[in-house]
Amino acid sequence: AAGEAYDKVARVLGLPYPGGPHVDKLAKEGDGSKIPFKRVW
């Protein structure tokens, strides 16, 4: 699920649980086009 992916990525980045809000907050400081992660259609 999307929320599960957020939590797992948060752990990779060393962010606290629950990961979703922390990823969202940190993302506001970054460039979303910087790393070309693949879109899965």
ModelCIF file with pLDDT and N, C-alpha, C, O atoms, coordinates in Angstrom:
data_MODEL
#
_entry.id   MODEL 
#
_entity.id                         1 
_entity.type                       polymer 
_entity.pdbx_number_of_molecules   1 
#
_entity_poly.entity_id                      1 
_entity_poly.type                           'polypeptide(L)' 
_entity_poly.nstd_linkage                   no 
_entity_poly.nstd_monomer                   no 
_entity_poly.pdbx_seq_one_letter_code       AAGEAYDKVARVLGLPYPGGPHVDKLAKEGDGSKIPFKRVW 
_entity_poly.pdbx_seq_one_letter_code_can   AAGEAYDKVARVLGLPYPGGPHVDKLAKEGDGSKIPFKRVW 
_entity_poly.pdbx_strand_id                 A 
#
loop_
_entity_poly_seq.entity_id 
_entity_poly_seq.num 
_entity_poly_seq.mon_id 
_entity_poly_seq.hetero 
1 1  ALA n 
1 2  ALA n 
1 3  GLY n 
1 4  GLU n 
1 5  ALA n 
1 6  TYR n 
1 7  ASP n 
1 8  LYS n 
1 9  VAL n 
1 10 ALA n 
1 11 ARG n 
1 12 VAL n 
1 13 LEU n 
1 14 GLY n 
1 15 LEU n 
1 16 PRO n 
1 17 TYR n 
1 18 PRO n 
1 19 GLY n 
1 20 GLY n 
1 21 PRO n 
1 22 HIS n 
1 23 VAL n 
1 24 ASP n 
1 25 LYS n 
1 26 LEU n 
1 27 ALA n 
1 28 LYS n 
1 29 GLU n 
1 30 GLY n 
1 31 ASP n 
1 32 GLY n 
1 33 SER n 
1 34 LYS n 
1 35 ILE n 
1 36 PRO n 
1 37 PHE n 
1 38 LYS n 
1 39 ARG n 
1 40 VAL n 
1 41 TRP n 
#
_struct_asym.id          A 
_struct_asym.entity_id   1 
#
loop_
_ma_qa_metric.id 
_ma_qa_metric.mode 
_ma_qa_metric.name 
_ma_qa_metric.software_group_id 
_ma_qa_metric.type 
1 global pLDDT . pLDDT 
2 local  pLDDT . pLDDT 
#
_ma_qa_metric_global.metric_id      1 
_ma_qa_metric_global.metric_value   94.88 
_ma_qa_metric_global.model_id       1 
_ma_qa_metric_global.ordinal_id     1 
#
loop_
_ma_qa_metric_local.label_asym_id 
_ma_qa_metric_local.label_comp_id 
_ma_qa_metric_local.label_seq_id 
_ma_qa_metric_local.metric_id 
_ma_qa_metric_local.metric_value 
_ma_qa_metric_local.model_id 
_ma_qa_metric_local.ordinal_id 
A ALA 1  2 92.00 1 1  
A ALA 2  2 94.00 1 2  
A GLY 3  2 92.00 1 3  
A GLU 4  2 92.00 1 4  
A ALA 5  2 94.00 1 5  
A TYR 6  2 95.00 1 6  
A ASP 7  2 92.00 1 7  
A LYS 8  2 93.00 1 8  
A VAL 9  2 96.00 1 9  
A ALA 10 2 96.00 1 10 
A ARG 11 2 93.00 1 11 
A VAL 12 2 95.00 1 12 
A LEU 13 2 96.00 1 13 
A GLY 14 2 95.00 1 14 
A LEU 15 2 95.00 1 15 
A PRO 16 2 92.00 1 16 
A TYR 17 2 87.00 1 17 
A PRO 18 2 88.00 1 18 
A GLY 19 2 91.00 1 19 
A GLY 20 2 92.00 1 20 
A PRO 21 2 94.00 1 21 
A HIS 22 2 96.00 1 22 
A VAL 23 2 97.00 1 23 
A ASP 24 2 97.00 1 24 
A LYS 25 2 97.00 1 25 
A LEU 26 2 98.00 1 26 
A ALA 27 2 98.00 1 27 
A LYS 28 2 97.00 1 28 
A GLU 29 2 98.00 1 29 
A GLY 30 2 98.00 1 30 
A ASP 31 2 98.00 1 31 
A GLY 32 2 97.00 1 32 
A SER 33 2 96.00 1 33 
A LYS 34 2 96.00 1 34 
A ILE 35 2 97.00 1 35 
A PRO 36 2 95.00 1 36 
A PHE 37 2 97.00 1 37 
A LYS 38 2 95.00 1 38 
A ARG 39 2 96.00 1 39 
A VAL 40 2 96.00 1 40 
A TRP 41 2 97.00 1 41 
#
loop_
_atom_site.group_PDB 
_atom_site.id 
_atom_site.type_symbol 
_atom_site.label_atom_id 
_atom_site.label_alt_id 
_atom_site.label_comp_id 
_atom_site.label_asym_id 
_atom_site.label_entity_id 
_atom_site.label_seq_id 
_atom_site.pdbx_PDB_ins_code 
_atom_site.Cartn_x 
_atom_site.Cartn_y 
_atom_site.Cartn_z 
_atom_site.occupancy 
_atom_site.B_iso_or_equiv 
_atom_site.pdbx_formal_charge 
_atom_site.auth_seq_id 
_atom_site.auth_comp_id 
_atom_site.auth_asym_id 
_atom_site.auth_atom_id 
_atom_site.pdbx_PDB_model_num 
ATOM 1   N N  . ALA A 1 1  ? 0.850  -1.183 0.000   1.00 92.00 ? 1  ALA A N  1 
ATOM 2   C CA . ALA A 1 1  ? 0.000  0.000  0.000   1.00 92.00 ? 1  ALA A CA 1 
ATOM 3   C C  . ALA A 1 1  ? 0.890  1.239  0.000   1.00 92.00 ? 1  ALA A C  1 
ATOM 4   O O  . ALA A 1 1  ? 2.064  1.160  0.361   1.00 92.00 ? 1  ALA A O  1 
ATOM 5   N N  . ALA A 1 2  ? 0.340  2.371  -0.400  1.00 94.00 ? 2  ALA A N  1 
ATOM 6   C CA . ALA A 1 2  ? 1.132  3.601  -0.459  1.00 94.00 ? 2  ALA A CA 1 
ATOM 7   C C  . ALA A 1 2  ? 1.686  3.969  0.913   1.00 94.00 ? 2  ALA A C  1 
ATOM 8   O O  . ALA A 1 2  ? 2.854  4.341  1.036   1.00 94.00 ? 2  ALA A O  1 
ATOM 9   N N  . GLY A 1 3  ? 0.848  3.866  1.944   1.00 92.00 ? 3  GLY A N  1 
ATOM 10  C CA . GLY A 1 3  ? 1.308  4.202  3.290   1.00 92.00 ? 3  GLY A CA 1 
ATOM 11  C C  . GLY A 1 3  ? 2.419  3.298  3.759   1.00 92.00 ? 3  GLY A C  1 
ATOM 12  O O  . GLY A 1 3  ? 3.330  3.739  4.460   1.00 92.00 ? 3  GLY A O  1 
ATOM 13  N N  . GLU A 1 4  ? 2.352  2.030  3.378   1.00 92.00 ? 4  GLU A N  1 
ATOM 14  C CA . GLU A 1 4  ? 3.414  1.082  3.728   1.00 92.00 ? 4  GLU A CA 1 
ATOM 15  C C  . GLU A 1 4  ? 4.721  1.467  3.051   1.00 92.00 ? 4  GLU A C  1 
ATOM 16  O O  . GLU A 1 4  ? 5.788  1.390  3.660   1.00 92.00 ? 4  GLU A O  1 
ATOM 17  N N  . ALA A 1 5  ? 4.638  1.882  1.785   1.00 94.00 ? 5  ALA A N  1 
ATOM 18  C CA . ALA A 1 5  ? 5.832  2.318  1.059   1.00 94.00 ? 5  ALA A CA 1 
ATOM 19  C C  . ALA A 1 5  ? 6.448  3.548  1.719   1.00 94.00 ? 5  ALA A C  1 
ATOM 20  O O  . ALA A 1 5  ? 7.670  3.649  1.833   1.00 94.00 ? 5  ALA A O  1 
ATOM 21  N N  . TYR A 1 6  ? 5.604  4.477  2.151   1.00 95.00 ? 6  TYR A N  1 
ATOM 22  C CA . TYR A 1 6  ? 6.090  5.670  2.851   1.00 95.00 ? 6  TYR A CA 1 
ATOM 23  C C  . TYR A 1 6  ? 6.846  5.277  4.123   1.00 95.00 ? 6  TYR A C  1 
ATOM 24  O O  . TYR A 1 6  ? 7.931  5.797  4.387   1.00 95.00 ? 6  TYR A O  1 
ATOM 25  N N  . ASP A 1 7  ? 6.286  4.375  4.897   1.00 92.00 ? 7  ASP A N  1 
ATOM 26  C CA . ASP A 1 7  ? 6.920  3.972  6.150   1.00 92.00 ? 7  ASP A CA 1 
ATOM 27  C C  . ASP A 1 7  ? 8.267  3.285  5.905   1.00 92.00 ? 7  ASP A C  1 
ATOM 28  O O  . ASP A 1 7  ? 9.224  3.499  6.648   1.00 92.00 ? 7  ASP A O  1 
ATOM 29  N N  . LYS A 1 8  ? 8.330  2.462  4.864   1.00 93.00 ? 8  LYS A N  1 
ATOM 30  C CA . LYS A 1 8  ? 9.576  1.750  4.569   1.00 93.00 ? 8  LYS A CA 1 
ATOM 31  C C  . LYS A 1 8  ? 10.654 2.711  4.058   1.00 93.00 ? 8  LYS A C  1 
ATOM 32  O O  . LYS A 1 8  ? 11.825 2.577  4.415   1.00 93.00 ? 8  LYS A O  1 
ATOM 33  N N  . VAL A 1 9  ? 10.268 3.664  3.236   1.00 96.00 ? 9  VAL A N  1 
ATOM 34  C CA . VAL A 1 9  ? 11.230 4.665  2.760   1.00 96.00 ? 9  VAL A CA 1 
ATOM 35  C C  . VAL A 1 9  ? 11.689 5.543  3.916   1.00 96.00 ? 9  VAL A C  1 
ATOM 36  O O  . VAL A 1 9  ? 12.856 5.931  3.976   1.00 96.00 ? 9  VAL A O  1 
ATOM 37  N N  . ALA A 1 10 ? 10.786 5.856  4.828   1.00 96.00 ? 10 ALA A N  1 
ATOM 38  C CA . ALA A 1 10 ? 11.164 6.653  5.999   1.00 96.00 ? 10 ALA A CA 1 
ATOM 39  C C  . ALA A 1 10 ? 12.242 5.945  6.816   1.00 96.00 ? 10 ALA A C  1 
ATOM 40  O O  . ALA A 1 10 ? 13.173 6.583  7.307   1.00 96.00 ? 10 ALA A O  1 
ATOM 41  N N  . ARG A 1 11 ? 12.114 4.634  6.960   1.00 93.00 ? 11 ARG A N  1 
ATOM 42  C CA . ARG A 1 11 ? 13.131 3.874  7.708   1.00 93.00 ? 11 ARG A CA 1 
ATOM 43  C C  . ARG A 1 11 ? 14.473 3.926  6.986   1.00 93.00 ? 11 ARG A C  1 
ATOM 44  O O  . ARG A 1 11 ? 15.520 4.054  7.620   1.00 93.00 ? 11 ARG A O  1 
ATOM 45  N N  . VAL A 1 12 ? 14.438 3.827  5.661   1.00 95.00 ? 12 VAL A N  1 
ATOM 46  C CA . VAL A 1 12 ? 15.681 3.903  4.873   1.00 95.00 ? 12 VAL A CA 1 
ATOM 47  C C  . VAL A 1 12 ? 16.362 5.251  5.093   1.00 95.00 ? 12 VAL A C  1 
ATOM 48  O O  . VAL A 1 12 ? 17.589 5.333  5.132   1.00 95.00 ? 12 VAL A O  1 
ATOM 49  N N  . LEU A 1 13 ? 15.557 6.312  5.237   1.00 96.00 ? 13 LEU A N  1 
ATOM 50  C CA . LEU A 1 13 ? 16.101 7.659  5.406   1.00 96.00 ? 13 LEU A CA 1 
ATOM 51  C C  . LEU A 1 13 ? 16.354 8.008  6.872   1.00 96.00 ? 13 LEU A C  1 
ATOM 52  O O  . LEU A 1 13 ? 16.796 9.115  7.180   1.00 96.00 ? 13 LEU A O  1 
ATOM 53  N N  . GLY A 1 14 ? 16.076 7.076  7.764   1.00 95.00 ? 14 GLY A N  1 
ATOM 54  C CA . GLY A 1 14 ? 16.323 7.314  9.185   1.00 95.00 ? 14 GLY A CA 1 
ATOM 55  C C  . GLY A 1 14 ? 15.312 8.242  9.827   1.00 95.00 ? 14 GLY A C  1 
ATOM 56  O O  . GLY A 1 14 ? 15.628 8.925  10.802  1.00 95.00 ? 14 GLY A O  1 
ATOM 57  N N  . LEU A 1 15 ? 14.092 8.276  9.290   1.00 95.00 ? 15 LEU A N  1 
ATOM 58  C CA . LEU A 1 15 ? 13.045 9.135  9.834   1.00 95.00 ? 15 LEU A CA 1 
ATOM 59  C C  . LEU A 1 15 ? 12.188 8.375  10.840  1.00 95.00 ? 15 LEU A C  1 
ATOM 60  O O  . LEU A 1 15 ? 12.082 7.152  10.747  1.00 95.00 ? 15 LEU A O  1 
ATOM 61  N N  . PRO A 1 16 ? 11.579 9.062  11.790  1.00 92.00 ? 16 PRO A N  1 
ATOM 62  C CA . PRO A 1 16 ? 10.789 8.404  12.833  1.00 92.00 ? 16 PRO A CA 1 
ATOM 63  C C  . PRO A 1 16 ? 9.509  7.778  12.293  1.00 92.00 ? 16 PRO A C  1 
ATOM 64  O O  . PRO A 1 16 ? 9.071  8.085  11.184  1.00 92.00 ? 16 PRO A O  1 
ATOM 65  N N  . TYR A 1 17 ? 8.921  6.899  13.091  1.00 87.00 ? 17 TYR A N  1 
ATOM 66  C CA . TYR A 1 17 ? 7.598  6.334  12.810  1.00 87.00 ? 17 TYR A CA 1 
ATOM 67  C C  . TYR A 1 17 ? 6.533  7.229  13.433  1.00 87.00 ? 17 TYR A C  1 
ATOM 68  O O  . TYR A 1 17 ? 6.765  7.777  14.510  1.00 87.00 ? 17 TYR A O  1 
ATOM 69  N N  . PRO A 1 18 ? 5.378  7.397  12.797  1.00 88.00 ? 18 PRO A N  1 
ATOM 70  C CA . PRO A 1 18 ? 5.018  6.921  11.453  1.00 88.00 ? 18 PRO A CA 1 
ATOM 71  C C  . PRO A 1 18 ? 5.695  7.735  10.368  1.00 88.00 ? 18 PRO A C  1 
ATOM 72  O O  . PRO A 1 18 ? 5.816  8.955  10.479  1.00 88.00 ? 18 PRO A O  1 
ATOM 73  N N  . GLY A 1 19 ? 6.138  7.054  9.312   1.00 91.00 ? 19 GLY A N  1 
ATOM 74  C CA . GLY A 1 19 ? 6.999  7.702  8.340   1.00 91.00 ? 19 GLY A CA 1 
ATOM 75  C C  . GLY A 1 19 ? 6.333  8.690  7.413   1.00 91.00 ? 19 GLY A C  1 
ATOM 76  O O  . GLY A 1 19 ? 6.962  9.658  6.987   1.00 91.00 ? 19 GLY A O  1 
ATOM 77  N N  . GLY A 1 20 ? 5.050  8.462  7.087   1.00 92.00 ? 20 GLY A N  1 
ATOM 78  C CA . GLY A 1 20 ? 4.379  9.295  6.096   1.00 92.00 ? 20 GLY A CA 1 
ATOM 79  C C  . GLY A 1 20 ? 4.466  10.787 6.346   1.00 92.00 ? 20 GLY A C  1 
ATOM 80  O O  . GLY A 1 20 ? 4.908  11.522 5.463   1.00 92.00 ? 20 GLY A O  1 
ATOM 81  N N  . PRO A 1 21 ? 4.060  11.265 7.520   1.00 94.00 ? 21 PRO A N  1 
ATOM 82  C CA . PRO A 1 21 ? 4.121  12.712 7.778   1.00 94.00 ? 21 PRO A CA 1 
ATOM 83  C C  . PRO A 1 21 ? 5.538  13.269 7.726   1.00 94.00 ? 21 PRO A C  1 
ATOM 84  O O  . PRO A 1 21 ? 5.742  14.408 7.305   1.00 94.00 ? 21 PRO A O  1 
ATOM 85  N N  . HIS A 1 22 ? 6.519  12.475 8.151   1.00 96.00 ? 22 HIS A N  1 
ATOM 86  C CA . HIS A 1 22 ? 7.914  12.944 8.153   1.00 96.00 ? 22 HIS A CA 1 
ATOM 87  C C  . HIS A 1 22 ? 8.470  13.024 6.725   1.00 96.00 ? 22 HIS A C  1 
ATOM 88  O O  . HIS A 1 22 ? 9.211  13.951 6.395   1.00 96.00 ? 22 HIS A O  1 
ATOM 89  N N  . VAL A 1 23 ? 8.109  12.047 5.879   1.00 97.00 ? 23 VAL A N  1 
ATOM 90  C CA . VAL A 1 23 ? 8.532  12.103 4.477   1.00 97.00 ? 23 VAL A CA 1 
ATOM 91  C C  . VAL A 1 23 ? 7.899  13.313 3.793   1.00 97.00 ? 23 VAL A C  1 
ATOM 92  O O  . VAL A 1 23 ? 8.565  14.030 3.046   1.00 97.00 ? 23 VAL A O  1 
ATOM 93  N N  . ASP A 1 24 ? 6.618  13.537 4.052   1.00 97.00 ? 24 ASP A N  1 
ATOM 94  C CA . ASP A 1 24 ? 5.902  14.670 3.464   1.00 97.00 ? 24 ASP A CA 1 
ATOM 95  C C  . ASP A 1 24 ? 6.550  15.992 3.869   1.00 97.00 ? 24 ASP A C  1 
ATOM 96  O O  . ASP A 1 24 ? 6.742  16.877 3.035   1.00 97.00 ? 24 ASP A O  1 
ATOM 97  N N  . LYS A 1 25 ? 6.882  16.120 5.139   1.00 97.00 ? 25 LYS A N  1 
ATOM 98  C CA . LYS A 1 25 ? 7.493  17.355 5.643   1.00 97.00 ? 25 LYS A CA 1 
ATOM 99  C C  . LYS A 1 25 ? 8.881  17.561 5.043   1.00 97.00 ? 25 LYS A C  1 
ATOM 100 O O  . LYS A 1 25 ? 9.213  18.665 4.612   1.00 97.00 ? 25 LYS A O  1 
ATOM 101 N N  . LEU A 1 26 ? 9.697  16.495 5.012   1.00 98.00 ? 26 LEU A N  1 
ATOM 102 C CA . LEU A 1 26 ? 11.052 16.606 4.468   1.00 98.00 ? 26 LEU A CA 1 
ATOM 103 C C  . LEU A 1 26 ? 11.026 16.908 2.972   1.00 98.00 ? 26 LEU A C  1 
ATOM 104 O O  . LEU A 1 26 ? 11.868 17.651 2.468   1.00 98.00 ? 26 LEU A O  1 
ATOM 105 N N  . ALA A 1 27 ? 10.050 16.324 2.263   1.00 98.00 ? 27 ALA A N  1 
ATOM 106 C CA . ALA A 1 27 ? 9.967  16.513 0.814   1.00 98.00 ? 27 ALA A CA 1 
ATOM 107 C C  . ALA A 1 27 ? 9.771  17.974 0.432   1.00 98.00 ? 27 ALA A C  1 
ATOM 108 O O  . ALA A 1 27 ? 10.157 18.381 -0.664  1.00 98.00 ? 27 ALA A O  1 
ATOM 109 N N  . LYS A 1 28 ? 9.183  18.761 1.311   1.00 97.00 ? 28 LYS A N  1 
ATOM 110 C CA . LYS A 1 28 ? 8.953  20.177 1.028   1.00 97.00 ? 28 LYS A CA 1 
ATOM 111 C C  . LYS A 1 28 ? 10.265 20.950 0.917   1.00 97.00 ? 28 LYS A C  1 
ATOM 112 O O  . LYS A 1 28 ? 10.304 22.040 0.346   1.00 97.00 ? 28 LYS A O  1 
ATOM 113 N N  . GLU A 1 29 ? 11.334 20.382 1.463   1.00 98.00 ? 29 GLU A N  1 
ATOM 114 C CA . GLU A 1 29 ? 12.644 21.022 1.415   1.00 98.00 ? 29 GLU A CA 1 
ATOM 115 C C  . GLU A 1 29 ? 13.477 20.536 0.231   1.00 98.00 ? 29 GLU A C  1 
ATOM 116 O O  . GLU A 1 29 ? 14.576 21.041 0.000   1.00 98.00 ? 29 GLU A O  1 
ATOM 117 N N  . GLY A 1 30 ? 12.961 19.553 -0.524  1.00 98.00 ? 30 GLY A N  1 
ATOM 118 C CA . GLY A 1 30 ? 13.746 18.955 -1.597  1.00 98.00 ? 30 GLY A CA 1 
ATOM 119 C C  . GLY A 1 30 ? 13.212 19.252 -2.981  1.00 98.00 ? 30 GLY A C  1 
ATOM 120 O O  . GLY A 1 30 ? 12.204 19.938 -3.146  1.00 98.00 ? 30 GLY A O  1 
ATOM 121 N N  . ASP A 1 31 ? 13.906 18.722 -3.969  1.00 98.00 ? 31 ASP A N  1 
ATOM 122 C CA . ASP A 1 31 ? 13.574 18.870 -5.388  1.00 98.00 ? 31 ASP A CA 1 
ATOM 123 C C  . ASP A 1 31 ? 13.050 17.526 -5.882  1.00 98.00 ? 31 ASP A C  1 
ATOM 124 O O  . ASP A 1 31 ? 13.800 16.553 -5.972  1.00 98.00 ? 31 ASP A O  1 
ATOM 125 N N  . GLY A 1 32 ? 11.758 17.479 -6.203  1.00 97.00 ? 32 GLY A N  1 
ATOM 126 C CA . GLY A 1 32 ? 11.138 16.234 -6.615  1.00 97.00 ? 32 GLY A CA 1 
ATOM 127 C C  . GLY A 1 32 ? 11.555 15.749 -7.989  1.00 97.00 ? 32 GLY A C  1 
ATOM 128 O O  . GLY A 1 32 ? 11.234 14.621 -8.366  1.00 97.00 ? 32 GLY A O  1 
ATOM 129 N N  . SER A 1 33 ? 12.258 16.567 -8.741  1.00 96.00 ? 33 SER A N  1 
ATOM 130 C CA . SER A 1 33 ? 12.720 16.151 -10.072 1.00 96.00 ? 33 SER A CA 1 
ATOM 131 C C  . SER A 1 33 ? 14.198 15.766 -10.075 1.00 96.00 ? 33 SER A C  1 
ATOM 132 O O  . SER A 1 33 ? 14.761 15.443 -11.121 1.00 96.00 ? 33 SER A O  1 
ATOM 133 N N  . LYS A 1 34 ? 14.809 15.802 -8.919  1.00 96.00 ? 34 LYS A N  1 
ATOM 134 C CA . LYS A 1 34 ? 16.261 15.595 -8.824  1.00 96.00 ? 34 LYS A CA 1 
ATOM 135 C C  . LYS A 1 34 ? 16.668 14.158 -9.135  1.00 96.00 ? 34 LYS A C  1 
ATOM 136 O O  . LYS A 1 34 ? 17.661 13.927 -9.826  1.00 96.00 ? 34 LYS A O  1 
ATOM 137 N N  . ILE A 1 35 ? 15.898 13.188 -8.623  1.00 97.00 ? 35 ILE A N  1 
ATOM 138 C CA . ILE A 1 35 ? 16.241 11.773 -8.806  1.00 97.00 ? 35 ILE A CA 1 
ATOM 139 C C  . ILE A 1 35 ? 15.140 11.122 -9.638  1.00 97.00 ? 35 ILE A C  1 
ATOM 140 O O  . ILE A 1 35 ? 13.983 11.123 -9.216  1.00 97.00 ? 35 ILE A O  1 
ATOM 141 N N  . PRO A 1 36 ? 15.459 10.572 -10.799 1.00 95.00 ? 36 PRO A N  1 
ATOM 142 C CA . PRO A 1 36 ? 14.433 10.056 -11.719 1.00 95.00 ? 36 PRO A CA 1 
ATOM 143 C C  . PRO A 1 36 ? 13.937 8.662  -11.341 1.00 95.00 ? 36 PRO A C  1 
ATOM 144 O O  . PRO A 1 36 ? 14.169 7.700  -12.073 1.00 95.00 ? 36 PRO A O  1 
ATOM 145 N N  . PHE A 1 37 ? 13.258 8.553  -10.208 1.00 97.00 ? 37 PHE A N  1 
ATOM 146 C CA . PHE A 1 37 ? 12.673 7.273  -9.843  1.00 97.00 ? 37 PHE A CA 1 
ATOM 147 C C  . PHE A 1 37 ? 11.569 6.927  -10.846 1.00 97.00 ? 37 PHE A C  1 
ATOM 148 O O  . PHE A 1 37 ? 10.793 7.789  -11.260 1.00 97.00 ? 37 PHE A O  1 
ATOM 149 N N  . LYS A 1 38 ? 11.519 5.664  -11.222 1.00 95.00 ? 38 LYS A N  1 
ATOM 150 C CA . LYS A 1 38 ? 10.583 5.198  -12.252 1.00 95.00 ? 38 LYS A CA 1 
ATOM 151 C C  . LYS A 1 38 ? 9.132  5.284  -11.781 1.00 95.00 ? 38 LYS A C  1 
ATOM 152 O O  . LYS A 1 38 ? 8.817  4.976  -10.632 1.00 95.00 ? 38 LYS A O  1 
ATOM 153 N N  . ARG A 1 39 ? 8.260  5.708  -12.692 1.00 96.00 ? 39 ARG A N  1 
ATOM 154 C CA . ARG A 1 39 ? 6.818  5.673  -12.447 1.00 96.00 ? 39 ARG A CA 1 
ATOM 155 C C  . ARG A 1 39 ? 6.303  4.304  -12.890 1.00 96.00 ? 39 ARG A C  1 
ATOM 156 O O  . ARG A 1 39 ? 6.569  3.875  -14.012 1.00 96.00 ? 39 ARG A O  1 
ATOM 157 N N  . VAL A 1 40 ? 5.584  3.633  -12.032 1.00 96.00 ? 40 VAL A N  1 
ATOM 158 C CA . VAL A 1 40 ? 5.084  2.296  -12.355 1.00 96.00 ? 40 VAL A CA 1 
ATOM 159 C C  . VAL A 1 40 ? 3.622  2.407  -12.779 1.00 96.00 ? 40 VAL A C  1 
ATOM 160 O O  . VAL A 1 40 ? 2.742  2.646  -11.952 1.00 96.00 ? 40 VAL A O  1 
ATOM 161 N N  . TRP A 1 41 ? 3.376  2.232  -14.073 1.00 97.00 ? 41 TRP A N  1 
ATOM 162 C CA . TRP A 1 41 ? 2.017  2.382  -14.601 1.00 97.00 ? 41 TRP A CA 1 
ATOM 163 C C  . TRP A 1 41 ? 1.324  1.038  -14.802 1.00 97.00 ? 41 TRP A C  1 
ATOM 164 O O  . TRP A 1 41 ? 0.174  0.996  -15.241 1.00 97.00 ? 41 TRP A O  1 
#
